[in-house]
N, C-alpha and C. Protein backbone atom coordinates (compact mmCIF):
# COMPACT_ATOMS: atom_id res chain seq x y z
N UNK A 1 56.31 8.13 -1.92
CA UNK A 1 56.92 7.34 -1.43
C UNK A 1 57.16 5.88 -1.50
N UNK A 2 56.34 5.35 -2.24
CA UNK A 2 56.51 4.00 -2.45
C UNK A 2 57.71 3.90 -3.57
N UNK A 3 57.61 4.83 -4.38
CA UNK A 3 58.83 4.93 -5.38
C UNK A 3 60.07 5.20 -5.09
N UNK A 4 60.11 5.78 -3.84
CA UNK A 4 61.52 5.99 -3.22
C UNK A 4 61.94 4.78 -2.57
N UNK A 5 60.89 4.20 -1.95
CA UNK A 5 61.48 2.88 -1.39
C UNK A 5 61.72 1.67 -2.43
N UNK A 6 61.12 1.78 -3.44
CA UNK A 6 61.44 0.68 -4.54
C UNK A 6 62.92 1.02 -4.92
N UNK A 7 63.05 2.43 -5.30
CA UNK A 7 64.43 2.73 -5.69
C UNK A 7 65.60 2.27 -4.71
N UNK A 8 65.12 2.49 -3.40
CA UNK A 8 66.18 2.14 -2.42
C UNK A 8 66.36 0.70 -2.43
N UNK A 9 65.27 -0.07 -2.67
CA UNK A 9 65.76 -1.57 -2.56
C UNK A 9 66.23 -2.00 -3.73
N UNK A 10 66.06 -1.34 -5.10
CA UNK A 10 66.86 -1.57 -6.20
C UNK A 10 67.97 -1.34 -6.11
N UNK A 11 68.62 -0.18 -5.43
CA UNK A 11 69.92 0.18 -5.17
C UNK A 11 70.54 -0.60 -4.30
N UNK A 12 69.92 -1.09 -3.16
CA UNK A 12 70.72 -2.13 -2.25
C UNK A 12 70.86 -3.55 -2.93
N UNK A 13 69.86 -3.90 -3.92
CA UNK A 13 70.14 -5.17 -4.56
C UNK A 13 71.28 -5.04 -5.68
N UNK A 14 71.22 -3.78 -6.17
CA UNK A 14 72.20 -3.68 -7.10
C UNK A 14 73.69 -3.69 -6.42
N UNK A 15 73.76 -3.09 -5.48
CA UNK A 15 74.99 -3.09 -4.65
C UNK A 15 75.34 -4.51 -4.18
N UNK A 16 74.30 -5.24 -3.90
CA UNK A 16 74.74 -6.48 -3.34
C UNK A 16 75.26 -7.41 -4.68
N UNK A 17 74.67 -7.20 -5.66
CA UNK A 17 75.12 -7.77 -6.72
C UNK A 17 76.41 -7.61 -7.34
N UNK A 18 76.55 -6.35 -7.35
CA UNK A 18 78.15 -5.78 -7.53
C UNK A 18 79.33 -6.21 -6.70
N UNK A 19 78.85 -6.38 -5.49
CA UNK A 19 79.83 -7.02 -4.49
C UNK A 19 80.00 -8.49 -4.87
N UNK A 20 78.82 -9.10 -5.05
CA UNK A 20 78.88 -10.58 -5.59
C UNK A 20 79.79 -10.71 -6.78
N UNK A 21 79.52 -9.88 -7.61
CA UNK A 21 80.34 -9.99 -8.93
C UNK A 21 81.78 -9.87 -8.71
N UNK A 22 82.23 -8.76 -7.91
CA UNK A 22 83.29 -8.55 -7.63
C UNK A 22 84.16 -9.79 -6.94
N UNK A 23 83.38 -10.34 -5.84
CA UNK A 23 83.91 -11.49 -5.11
C UNK A 23 84.08 -12.75 -6.29
N UNK A 24 83.13 -12.96 -7.00
CA UNK A 24 83.35 -14.04 -8.08
C UNK A 24 84.64 -13.87 -8.87
N UNK A 25 84.71 -12.51 -9.26
CA UNK A 25 85.95 -12.40 -10.42
C UNK A 25 87.11 -12.43 -9.73
N UNK A 26 87.30 -12.03 -8.05
CA UNK A 26 88.35 -12.28 -7.41
C UNK A 26 88.69 -13.81 -7.35
N UNK A 27 87.39 -14.61 -6.89
CA UNK A 27 87.54 -16.19 -6.87
C UNK A 27 87.94 -16.65 -8.16
N UNK A 28 87.54 -16.24 -9.25
CA UNK A 28 88.22 -16.80 -10.79
C UNK A 28 89.60 -16.34 -11.09
N UNK A 29 89.90 -15.21 -10.75
CA UNK A 29 91.58 -14.79 -10.61
C UNK A 29 92.39 -15.86 -9.98
N UNK A 30 91.76 -15.93 -8.46
CA UNK A 30 92.66 -16.79 -7.77
C UNK A 30 92.76 -18.47 -8.26
N UNK A 31 91.72 -18.89 -8.61
CA UNK A 31 91.58 -20.33 -9.34
C UNK A 31 92.65 -20.45 -10.33
N UNK A 32 92.58 -19.51 -11.46
CA UNK A 32 93.36 -19.31 -12.69
C UNK A 32 95.04 -19.16 -12.17
N UNK A 33 95.13 -18.42 -11.02
CA UNK A 33 96.59 -18.30 -10.53
C UNK A 33 97.05 -19.56 -9.91
N UNK A 34 96.27 -20.05 -9.30
CA UNK A 34 96.63 -21.32 -8.47
C UNK A 34 96.74 -22.53 -9.52
N UNK A 35 96.01 -22.48 -10.62
CA UNK A 35 96.06 -23.52 -11.77
C UNK A 35 97.68 -23.46 -12.14
N UNK A 36 98.10 -21.97 -12.64
CA UNK A 36 99.09 -21.66 -13.11
C UNK A 36 100.38 -22.18 -12.32
N UNK A 37 100.20 -21.96 -11.07
CA UNK A 37 101.18 -22.30 -10.08
C UNK A 37 101.16 -23.91 -9.80
N UNK A 38 100.45 -24.41 -9.97
CA UNK A 38 100.30 -26.01 -9.86
C UNK A 38 101.09 -26.73 -11.05
N UNK A 39 100.73 -25.97 -12.36
CA UNK A 39 101.35 -26.40 -13.37
C UNK A 39 102.97 -25.98 -13.47
N UNK A 40 103.37 -25.20 -13.05
CA UNK A 40 104.50 -24.73 -12.79
C UNK A 40 105.40 -25.75 -11.78
N UNK A 41 104.45 -25.81 -10.78
CA UNK A 41 105.19 -26.86 -9.85
C UNK A 41 105.35 -28.48 -10.09
N UNK A 42 104.29 -28.68 -11.16
CA UNK A 42 104.12 -30.01 -11.53
C UNK A 42 105.59 -30.27 -12.64
N UNK A 43 105.66 -29.16 -13.43
CA UNK A 43 106.84 -29.18 -14.22
C UNK A 43 108.18 -29.15 -13.55
N UNK A 44 108.25 -28.42 -12.53
CA UNK A 44 109.60 -28.41 -11.83
C UNK A 44 109.62 -29.63 -11.04
N UNK A 45 108.57 -30.41 -10.70
CA UNK A 45 108.84 -31.78 -10.04
C UNK A 45 109.15 -32.84 -11.06
N UNK A 46 108.74 -32.63 -12.29
CA UNK A 46 108.94 -33.59 -13.26
C UNK A 46 110.55 -33.40 -13.55
N UNK A 47 110.91 -32.25 -13.58
CA UNK A 47 112.28 -31.78 -13.96
C UNK A 47 113.17 -32.37 -12.97
N UNK A 48 112.90 -32.13 -11.81
CA UNK A 48 113.88 -32.77 -10.45
C UNK A 48 113.78 -34.23 -10.52
N UNK A 49 112.73 -34.76 -11.04
CA UNK A 49 112.57 -36.32 -10.94
C UNK A 49 113.72 -36.93 -12.08
N UNK A 50 113.64 -36.05 -13.25
CA UNK A 50 114.52 -36.52 -14.48
C UNK A 50 115.76 -36.23 -13.92
N UNK A 51 116.15 -35.19 -13.29
CA UNK A 51 117.55 -34.82 -12.50
C UNK A 51 117.77 -35.97 -11.77
N UNK A 52 117.15 -36.26 -10.97
CA UNK A 52 117.52 -37.30 -9.85
C UNK A 52 117.98 -38.60 -10.83
N UNK A 53 117.05 -38.90 -11.77
CA UNK A 53 117.28 -40.49 -12.41
C UNK A 53 118.71 -40.19 -13.11
N UNK A 54 118.72 -39.13 -13.61
CA UNK A 54 120.26 -38.85 -14.30
C UNK A 54 121.37 -39.04 -13.36
N UNK A 55 121.34 -38.54 -12.19
CA UNK A 55 122.33 -38.50 -11.21
C UNK A 55 122.47 -39.90 -10.70
N UNK A 56 121.30 -40.41 -10.40
CA UNK A 56 121.55 -41.71 -9.76
C UNK A 56 122.18 -42.77 -10.90
N UNK A 57 122.03 -42.63 -12.06
CA UNK A 57 122.75 -43.48 -12.99
C UNK A 57 124.15 -43.17 -13.22
N UNK A 58 124.47 -41.85 -12.87
CA UNK A 58 125.90 -41.31 -12.98
C UNK A 58 126.59 -41.82 -11.46
N UNK A 59 125.81 -41.98 -10.55
CA UNK A 59 126.34 -42.60 -9.12
C UNK A 59 126.62 -43.98 -9.39
N UNK A 60 125.67 -44.58 -9.87
CA UNK A 60 126.18 -45.93 -10.14
C UNK A 60 127.06 -46.50 -11.04
N UNK A 61 127.24 -45.44 -12.05
CA UNK A 61 128.52 -45.79 -12.79
C UNK A 61 129.77 -45.30 -12.26
N UNK A 62 129.83 -44.46 -11.38
CA UNK A 62 130.90 -43.99 -10.63
C UNK A 62 131.34 -45.26 -9.52
N UNK A 63 130.41 -45.73 -8.95
CA UNK A 63 130.59 -46.77 -8.07
C UNK A 63 131.08 -47.98 -8.64
N UNK A 64 130.51 -48.30 -10.12
CA UNK A 64 131.23 -49.38 -10.58
C UNK A 64 132.63 -49.20 -11.09
N UNK A 65 132.93 -47.99 -11.50
CA UNK A 65 134.35 -47.53 -11.72
C UNK A 65 135.43 -47.42 -10.69
N UNK A 66 134.80 -47.03 -9.42
CA UNK A 66 135.52 -47.16 -8.34
C UNK A 66 135.91 -48.56 -7.67
N UNK A 67 135.02 -49.39 -8.13
CA UNK A 67 135.05 -51.03 -7.68
C UNK A 67 136.08 -51.47 -8.59
N UNK A 68 136.00 -51.25 -10.03
CA UNK A 68 137.11 -51.63 -10.92
C UNK A 68 138.86 -51.16 -10.70
N UNK A 69 138.60 -49.97 -10.26
CA UNK A 69 139.93 -49.27 -9.83
C UNK A 69 140.38 -50.03 -8.55
N UNK A 70 139.79 -50.26 -7.65
CA UNK A 70 139.89 -50.72 -6.44
C UNK A 70 140.41 -52.26 -6.65
N UNK A 71 139.98 -53.01 -7.37
CA UNK A 71 140.54 -54.16 -7.79
C UNK A 71 141.72 -54.10 -8.84
N UNK A 72 141.62 -53.19 -9.52
CA UNK A 72 143.25 -53.15 -10.29
C UNK A 72 144.31 -52.66 -9.23
N UNK A 73 143.88 -51.84 -8.19
CA UNK A 73 145.00 -51.50 -7.28
C UNK A 73 145.39 -52.78 -6.51
N UNK A 74 144.48 -53.44 -6.02
CA UNK A 74 144.59 -54.53 -5.09
C UNK A 74 145.60 -55.38 -5.75
N UNK A 75 145.25 -55.75 -7.14
CA UNK A 75 146.07 -56.53 -7.89
C UNK A 75 147.49 -56.20 -8.07
N UNK A 76 147.74 -54.80 -8.18
CA UNK A 76 149.00 -54.20 -8.33
C UNK A 76 149.74 -54.41 -6.96
N UNK A 77 149.07 -54.29 -5.89
CA UNK A 77 149.72 -54.34 -4.49
C UNK A 77 150.09 -55.76 -4.54
N UNK A 78 149.23 -56.91 -4.73
CA UNK A 78 149.79 -58.09 -4.63
C UNK A 78 150.82 -58.37 -5.46
N UNK A 79 151.21 -57.89 -6.74
CA UNK A 79 152.36 -58.14 -7.42
C UNK A 79 153.45 -57.37 -6.78
N UNK A 80 153.18 -56.30 -6.14
CA UNK A 80 154.41 -55.67 -5.22
C UNK A 80 154.83 -56.39 -4.22
N UNK A 81 153.75 -57.14 -3.62
CA UNK A 81 154.05 -58.01 -2.44
C UNK A 81 154.73 -59.14 -2.78
N UNK A 82 154.65 -59.74 -4.21
CA UNK A 82 155.30 -60.77 -4.62
C UNK A 82 156.80 -60.61 -4.85
N UNK A 83 157.08 -59.46 -5.40
CA UNK A 83 158.29 -58.73 -5.49
C UNK A 83 159.19 -58.79 -4.24
N UNK A 84 158.47 -58.33 -3.01
CA UNK A 84 159.26 -58.12 -1.77
C UNK A 84 159.62 -59.36 -1.32
N UNK A 85 158.74 -60.62 -1.68
CA UNK A 85 158.80 -61.77 -1.03
C UNK A 85 160.13 -62.63 -1.61
């Protein structure tokens, strides 16, 4: 009877250990997946920041160009006004 009781206790301990091993494996898999997702998100963020910097520079350039065009048009309109006077 003692042998049977010992076998039952060992079996229960083995089952508990198996369950723990399974949960640890799932946790490891989850951590690895989350690290990969974090790396991908950081890469996407860096690419977005680079794109923002590029577009910001382009916007500044277009604003400067618009300012020059406006000044040239105002100058031309001034000449036209002089012709009419």
